[in-house]
Protein backbone atom coordinates (compact mmCIF):
# COMPACT_ATOMS: atom_id res chain seq x y z
CA MET A 1 6.64 -6.70 10.34
CA ALA A 2 5.04 -3.42 11.36
CA LEU A 3 3.92 -1.57 8.27
CA ALA A 4 4.45 2.17 8.13
CA THR A 5 4.15 4.92 5.56
CA GLY A 6 7.40 5.17 3.58
CA THR A 7 8.46 1.55 4.08
CA VAL A 8 9.71 -0.20 0.93
CA VAL A 9 8.03 -3.58 0.45
CA GLN A 10 7.63 -6.32 -2.13
CA LEU A 11 4.98 -8.97 -2.61
CA LYS A 12 6.05 -12.31 -1.15
CA SER A 13 5.39 -13.76 -4.60
CA GLY A 14 7.84 -11.27 -6.19
CA GLY A 15 7.39 -8.24 -8.37
CA PRO A 16 8.59 -4.65 -8.16
CA GLU A 17 9.65 -2.86 -5.02
CA MET A 18 6.81 -0.67 -3.76
CA THR A 19 6.61 2.19 -1.28
CA ILE A 20 3.80 2.24 1.25
CA ASN A 21 1.93 5.49 0.66
CA GLY A 22 -0.39 4.94 3.60
CA ILE A 23 -2.15 2.45 5.83
CA ILE A 24 -5.94 2.40 5.74
CA GLY A 25 -7.28 3.73 9.03
CA ASP A 26 -3.97 5.27 10.18
CA ALA A 27 -5.03 8.62 11.63
CA ASN A 28 -1.39 9.73 12.04
CA ASN A 29 -0.65 9.41 8.29
CA PRO A 30 -3.97 9.64 6.44
CA ILE A 31 -4.04 8.52 2.81
CA GLY A 32 -6.70 11.03 1.90
CA LYS A 33 -10.39 10.80 2.61
CA THR A 34 -11.46 10.20 -1.00
CA THR A 35 -8.81 7.52 -1.63
CA GLU A 36 -9.48 5.76 1.69
CA THR A 37 -13.24 5.79 1.14
CA GLY A 38 -12.81 4.33 -2.35
CA LEU A 39 -10.51 1.58 -1.06
CA LYS A 40 -12.95 0.66 1.72
CA MET A 41 -15.79 0.55 -0.81
CA GLY A 42 -13.60 -1.85 -2.81
CA GLY A 43 -13.42 -4.25 0.13
CA TYR A 44 -10.17 -3.19 1.76
CA GLN A 45 -10.07 -2.58 5.50
CA ASN A 46 -8.13 -0.87 8.25
CA GLY A 47 -4.53 -2.06 8.35
CA ASP A 48 -4.22 -2.76 4.62
CA ALA A 49 -1.28 -1.07 2.88
CA TYR A 50 -1.81 1.36 0.00
CA CYS A 51 1.36 1.10 -2.14
CA GLN A 52 2.84 2.84 -5.17
CA TRP A 53 5.53 1.72 -7.62
CA PHE A 54 6.81 2.32 -11.14
CA ASP A 55 6.23 -0.35 -13.78
CA ASP A 56 8.65 -1.34 -16.53
CA LYS A 57 7.37 1.58 -18.67
CA ASN A 58 8.14 4.00 -15.82
CA GLU A 59 4.44 4.61 -15.21
CA LEU A 60 3.28 5.17 -11.63
CA LYS A 61 0.99 2.38 -10.42
CA SER A 62 -0.81 1.84 -7.12
CA GLY A 63 -2.57 -0.92 -5.28
CA CYS A 64 -3.71 -2.06 -1.88
CA PHE A 65 -2.42 -5.20 -0.19
CA LYS A 66 -2.97 -7.20 2.96
CA PRO A 67 0.06 -7.04 5.31
CA SER A 68 0.43 -10.82 5.13
CA MET A 69 1.18 -10.50 1.39
CA LEU A 70 4.20 -8.21 1.86
CA ASP A 71 7.85 -8.46 2.88
CA GLU A 72 9.95 -5.47 3.85
CA VAL A 73 12.84 -4.89 1.41
């Protein structure tokens, strides 16, 4: 699966549907310098997907995931 900004994904282990907000290191669709720098400082690397979703309380959540952890919905 080729990940791209806007793709709807889900963890292979289940959970909510998430939208890819950006791919770390993707110059064509940058996440934002501050966000990308923070994610890289947290151990994430180019190619990892920055995702957003709404939880069961309708609160916006975000997280970064390795492509191997995701399935396209």
